[in-house]
Amino acid sequence: MKVSIERYIQQVRDGVHYKGHVKIADTQLEYELVFAVPIPKLDDMESPNGITEIRRLFQLTVKRNNANIELTDGEYGFFLQMLAELAIDFYNNPQTRDNNEGMMGQMLQGRGPMSVFGASVSIGITSTSSHDFEPALCEMLSAPKFGCSLA
């Protein structure tokens, strides 16, 4: 089945903490993704051993209607692949790297001369695409906890 996907990511802390939403067909899910190892150091680390270590390194929370969704290992893998890829691409984007420098970078970190006036800045990006989903994936996402209408 061809399914439209919208992914939005917002930087909370450069290279480490991101949040946003993923819209699958007409259902929007919120997420938060925290990297235990900063993105620029991922290539230098040893491969994780097992799902428990992967979940520790890539802390992913998915929510629907402000309620946390308990993810099975398969569900976690699906969302992690989709969202970690987006976070890494966003981090490595030259525009993102430029924005995290100078005065803009200070404001993104909540520092700098404008912070005394309560000024804050955030950066993010939206990606829209269409994917072919296998029937098993459509069934998984159509479960009540996700609420997608893909069946």
C-alpha atoms as a PDB file:
ATOM      1  CA  MET A   1       0.000   0.000   0.000  1.00  0.00           C
ATOM      2  CA  LYS A   2       1.284   3.494  -0.895  1.00  0.00           C
ATOM      3  CA  VAL A   3       1.280   5.643   2.280  1.00  0.00           C
ATOM      4  CA  SER A   4       2.099   9.345   2.642  1.00  0.00           C
ATOM      5  CA  ILE A   5       4.556  10.191   5.432  1.00  0.00           C
ATOM      6  CA  GLU A   6       5.339  13.628   6.852  1.00  0.00           C
ATOM      7  CA  ARG A   7       8.241  13.875   9.286  1.00  0.00           C
ATOM      8  CA  TYR A   8       9.021  17.050  11.222  1.00  0.00           C
ATOM      9  CA  ILE A   9      12.125  17.387  13.356  1.00  0.00           C
ATOM     10  CA  GLN A  10      13.122  20.201  15.686  1.00  0.00           C
ATOM     11  CA  GLN A  11      16.488  20.519  17.359  1.00  0.00           C
ATOM     12  CA  VAL A  12      16.323  20.641  21.153  1.00  0.00           C
ATOM     13  CA  ARG A  13      20.080  20.186  21.697  1.00  0.00           C
ATOM     14  CA  ASP A  14      22.463  19.981  18.739  1.00  0.00           C
ATOM     15  CA  GLY A  15      23.548  16.433  17.922  1.00  0.00           C
ATOM     16  CA  VAL A  16      21.847  14.930  20.967  1.00  0.00           C
ATOM     17  CA  HIS A  17      18.155  15.742  21.457  1.00  0.00           C
ATOM     18  CA  TYR A  18      15.343  16.158  18.914  1.00  0.00           C
ATOM     19  CA  LYS A  19      11.566  16.213  18.910  1.00  0.00           C
ATOM     20  CA  GLY A  20       8.805  16.515  16.372  1.00  0.00           C
ATOM     21  CA  HIS A  21       6.039  14.574  14.726  1.00  0.00           C
ATOM     22  CA  VAL A  22       5.496  11.910  12.135  1.00  0.00           C
ATOM     23  CA  LYS A  23       2.242  11.946  10.216  1.00  0.00           C
ATOM     24  CA  ILE A  24       1.317   8.590   8.710  1.00  0.00           C
ATOM     25  CA  ALA A  25      -1.583   9.053   6.286  1.00  0.00           C
ATOM     26  CA  ASP A  26      -3.984  11.146   8.440  1.00  0.00           C
ATOM     27  CA  THR A  27      -2.630  10.205  11.884  1.00  0.00           C
ATOM     28  CA  GLN A  28      -0.072  12.379  13.661  1.00  0.00           C
ATOM     29  CA  LEU A  29       2.243  10.935  16.308  1.00  0.00           C
ATOM     30  CA  GLU A  30       4.627  13.039  18.389  1.00  0.00           C
ATOM     31  CA  TYR A  31       8.125  11.827  19.225  1.00  0.00           C
ATOM     32  CA  GLU A  32      11.253  12.630  21.165  1.00  0.00           C
ATOM     33  CA  LEU A  33      14.637  11.176  20.216  1.00  0.00           C
ATOM     34  CA  VAL A  34      17.729  11.383  22.435  1.00  0.00           C
ATOM     35  CA  PHE A  35      21.141  10.105  21.349  1.00  0.00           C
ATOM     36  CA  ALA A  36      23.210   8.784  24.301  1.00  0.00           C
ATOM     37  CA  VAL A  37      26.248   9.208  22.028  1.00  0.00           C
ATOM     38  CA  PRO A  38      26.257  12.542  20.131  1.00  0.00           C
ATOM     39  CA  ILE A  39      25.681  12.178  16.384  1.00  0.00           C
ATOM     40  CA  PRO A  40      29.216  13.276  15.397  1.00  0.00           C
ATOM     41  CA  LYS A  41      30.668  10.460  17.539  1.00  0.00           C
ATOM     42  CA  LEU A  42      28.424   7.622  16.263  1.00  0.00           C
ATOM     43  CA  ASP A  43      30.926   6.490  13.623  1.00  0.00           C
ATOM     44  CA  ASP A  44      33.650   6.125  16.285  1.00  0.00           C
ATOM     45  CA  MET A  45      31.701   3.786  18.559  1.00  0.00           C
ATOM     46  CA  GLU A  46      31.469   0.016  18.463  1.00  0.00           C
ATOM     47  CA  SER A  47      28.296  -1.532  17.079  1.00  0.00           C
ATOM     48  CA  PRO A  48      25.685  -2.041  19.794  1.00  0.00           C
ATOM     49  CA  ASN A  49      25.017  -5.596  20.988  1.00  0.00           C
ATOM     50  CA  GLY A  50      21.313  -6.343  20.987  1.00  0.00           C
ATOM     51  CA  ILE A  51      18.098  -4.395  21.176  1.00  0.00           C
ATOM     52  CA  THR A  52      18.542  -3.425  24.834  1.00  0.00           C
ATOM     53  CA  GLU A  53      21.773  -1.579  24.063  1.00  0.00           C
ATOM     54  CA  ILE A  54      20.266  -0.021  20.927  1.00  0.00           C
ATOM     55  CA  ARG A  55      17.330   1.282  22.994  1.00  0.00           C
ATOM     56  CA  ARG A  56      19.776   2.701  25.543  1.00  0.00           C
ATOM     57  CA  LEU A  57      21.823   4.461  22.854  1.00  0.00           C
ATOM     58  CA  PHE A  58      18.818   5.759  20.907  1.00  0.00           C
ATOM     59  CA  GLN A  59      16.118   6.727  23.403  1.00  0.00           C
ATOM     60  CA  LEU A  60      12.893   7.062  21.468  1.00  0.00           C
ATOM     61  CA  THR A  61       9.493   8.024  22.853  1.00  0.00           C
ATOM     62  CA  VAL A  62       6.445   8.006  20.576  1.00  0.00           C
ATOM     63  CA  LYS A  63       3.182   9.590  21.743  1.00  0.00           C
ATOM     64  CA  ARG A  64      -0.379   9.751  20.499  1.00  0.00           C
ATOM     65  CA  ASN A  65      -2.706  12.329  22.042  1.00  0.00           C
ATOM     66  CA  ASN A  66       0.008  13.161  24.634  1.00  0.00           C
ATOM     67  CA  ALA A  67       0.131   9.548  25.880  1.00  0.00           C
ATOM     68  CA  ASN A  68       3.316   7.472  25.586  1.00  0.00           C
ATOM     69  CA  ILE A  69       3.011   4.436  23.329  1.00  0.00           C
ATOM     70  CA  GLU A  70       4.721   1.275  24.565  1.00  0.00           C
ATOM     71  CA  LEU A  71       6.719   0.085  21.543  1.00  0.00           C
ATOM     72  CA  THR A  72       7.514  -3.536  20.799  1.00  0.00           C
ATOM     73  CA  ASP A  73      11.004  -4.175  19.429  1.00  0.00           C
ATOM     74  CA  GLY A  74       9.612  -4.302  15.869  1.00  0.00           C
ATOM     75  CA  GLU A  75       7.668  -1.068  16.283  1.00  0.00           C
ATOM     76  CA  TYR A  76      10.692   0.599  17.876  1.00  0.00           C
ATOM     77  CA  GLY A  77      12.859  -0.514  14.925  1.00  0.00           C
ATOM     78  CA  PHE A  78      10.421   0.928  12.396  1.00  0.00           C
ATOM     79  CA  PHE A  79      10.229   4.348  14.084  1.00  0.00           C
ATOM     80  CA  LEU A  80      13.940   4.460  14.936  1.00  0.00           C
ATOM     81  CA  GLN A  81      14.946   3.818  11.331  1.00  0.00           C
ATOM     82  CA  MET A  82      12.613   6.528  10.073  1.00  0.00           C
ATOM     83  CA  LEU A  83      13.462   9.143  12.719  1.00  0.00           C
ATOM     84  CA  ALA A  84      17.167   8.550  13.407  1.00  0.00           C
ATOM     85  CA  GLU A  85      17.854   8.852   9.675  1.00  0.00           C
ATOM     86  CA  LEU A  86      16.010  12.179   9.625  1.00  0.00           C
ATOM     87  CA  ALA A  87      17.899  13.427  12.711  1.00  0.00           C
ATOM     88  CA  ILE A  88      21.296  12.465  11.291  1.00  0.00           C
ATOM     89  CA  ASP A  89      20.505  14.030   7.898  1.00  0.00           C
ATOM     90  CA  PHE A  90      19.253  17.180   9.653  1.00  0.00           C
ATOM     91  CA  TYR A  91      22.370  17.356  11.847  1.00  0.00           C
ATOM     92  CA  ASN A  92      24.689  16.960   8.826  1.00  0.00           C
ATOM     93  CA  ASN A  93      22.828  19.508   6.691  1.00  0.00           C
ATOM     94  CA  PRO A  94      25.204  22.439   5.956  1.00  0.00           C
ATOM     95  CA  GLN A  95      22.428  24.938   6.833  1.00  0.00           C
ATOM     96  CA  THR A  96      21.977  23.294  10.255  1.00  0.00           C
ATOM     97  CA  ARG A  97      25.728  23.341  10.876  1.00  0.00           C
ATOM     98  CA  ASP A  98      25.867  27.056   9.930  1.00  0.00           C
ATOM     99  CA  ASN A  99      22.865  27.874  12.158  1.00  0.00           C
ATOM    100  CA  ASN A 100      24.589  26.324  15.172  1.00  0.00           C
ATOM    101  CA  GLU A 101      27.489  28.796  14.921  1.00  0.00           C
ATOM    102  CA  GLY A 102      27.839  32.420  16.024  1.00  0.00           C
ATOM    103  CA  MET A 103      24.979  34.445  17.499  1.00  0.00           C
ATOM    104  CA  MET A 104      22.330  32.119  16.057  1.00  0.00           C
ATOM    105  CA  GLY A 105      24.071  29.157  17.710  1.00  0.00           C
ATOM    106  CA  GLN A 106      24.159  30.983  21.034  1.00  0.00           C
ATOM    107  CA  MET A 107      20.435  31.723  20.793  1.00  0.00           C
ATOM    108  CA  LEU A 108      19.688  28.072  19.912  1.00  0.00           C
ATOM    109  CA  GLN A 109      21.530  27.116  23.107  1.00  0.00           C
ATOM    110  CA  GLY A 110      19.633  29.703  25.167  1.00  0.00           C
ATOM    111  CA  ARG A 111      22.733  31.851  25.607  1.00  0.00           C
ATOM    112  CA  GLY A 112      23.911  35.150  24.224  1.00  0.00           C
ATOM    113  CA  PRO A 113      22.925  38.794  24.696  1.00  0.00           C
ATOM    114  CA  MET A 114      19.299  38.379  23.593  1.00  0.00           C
ATOM    115  CA  SER A 115      18.564  35.615  26.111  1.00  0.00           C
ATOM    116  CA  VAL A 116      18.278  38.178  28.930  1.00  0.00           C
ATOM    117  CA  PHE A 117      15.180  39.485  27.114  1.00  0.00           C
ATOM    118  CA  GLY A 118      13.675  36.003  26.882  1.00  0.00           C
ATOM    119  CA  ALA A 119      14.436  35.619  23.175  1.00  0.00           C
ATOM    120  CA  SER A 120      14.621  32.055  21.953  1.00  0.00           C
ATOM    121  CA  VAL A 121      15.075  30.406  18.585  1.00  0.00           C
ATOM    122  CA  SER A 122      14.460  26.931  17.250  1.00  0.00           C
ATOM    123  CA  ILE A 123      15.281  25.226  13.975  1.00  0.00           C
ATOM    124  CA  GLY A 124      13.591  22.336  12.272  1.00  0.00           C
ATOM    125  CA  ILE A 125      12.731  20.787   8.943  1.00  0.00           C
ATOM    126  CA  THR A 126       9.786  18.936   7.420  1.00  0.00           C
ATOM    127  CA  SER A 127      10.168  16.010   5.024  1.00  0.00           C
ATOM    128  CA  THR A 128       7.255  14.637   3.006  1.00  0.00           C
ATOM    129  CA  SER A 129       7.378  11.396   1.054  1.00  0.00           C
ATOM    130  CA  SER A 130       5.365   8.383  -0.005  1.00  0.00           C
ATOM    131  CA  HIS A 131       6.282   4.772   0.841  1.00  0.00           C
ATOM    132  CA  ASP A 132       5.111   1.329  -0.120  1.00  0.00           C
ATOM    133  CA  PHE A 133       4.159  -0.459   3.100  1.00  0.00           C
ATOM    134  CA  GLU A 134       3.834  -4.224   3.342  1.00  0.00           C
ATOM    135  CA  PRO A 135       0.466  -5.519   4.627  1.00  0.00           C
ATOM    136  CA  ALA A 136       2.051  -6.524   7.975  1.00  0.00           C
ATOM    137  CA  LEU A 137       3.329  -2.968   8.522  1.00  0.00           C
ATOM    138  CA  CYS A 138      -0.086  -1.501   7.616  1.00  0.00           C
ATOM    139  CA  GLU A 139      -1.666  -3.898  10.117  1.00  0.00           C
ATOM    140  CA  MET A 140       0.846  -2.907  12.827  1.00  0.00           C
ATOM    141  CA  LEU A 141       0.209   0.820  12.306  1.00  0.00           C
ATOM    142  CA  SER A 142      -3.574   0.286  12.199  1.00  0.00           C
ATOM    143  CA  ALA A 143      -3.520  -1.084  15.771  1.00  0.00           C
ATOM    144  CA  PRO A 144      -5.496   1.105  18.200  1.00  0.00           C
ATOM    145  CA  LYS A 145      -2.346   2.400  19.936  1.00  0.00           C
ATOM    146  CA  PHE A 146      -1.197   4.063  16.698  1.00  0.00           C
ATOM    147  CA  GLY A 147      -4.632   4.706  15.192  1.00  0.00           C
ATOM    148  CA  CYS A 148      -3.604   4.799  11.540  1.00  0.00           C
ATOM    149  CA  SER A 149      -6.308   3.786   9.052  1.00  0.00           C
ATOM    150  CA  LEU A 150      -4.247   1.711   6.652  1.00  0.00           C
ATOM    151  CA  ALA A 151      -6.204  -1.541   6.450  1.00  0.00           C
END
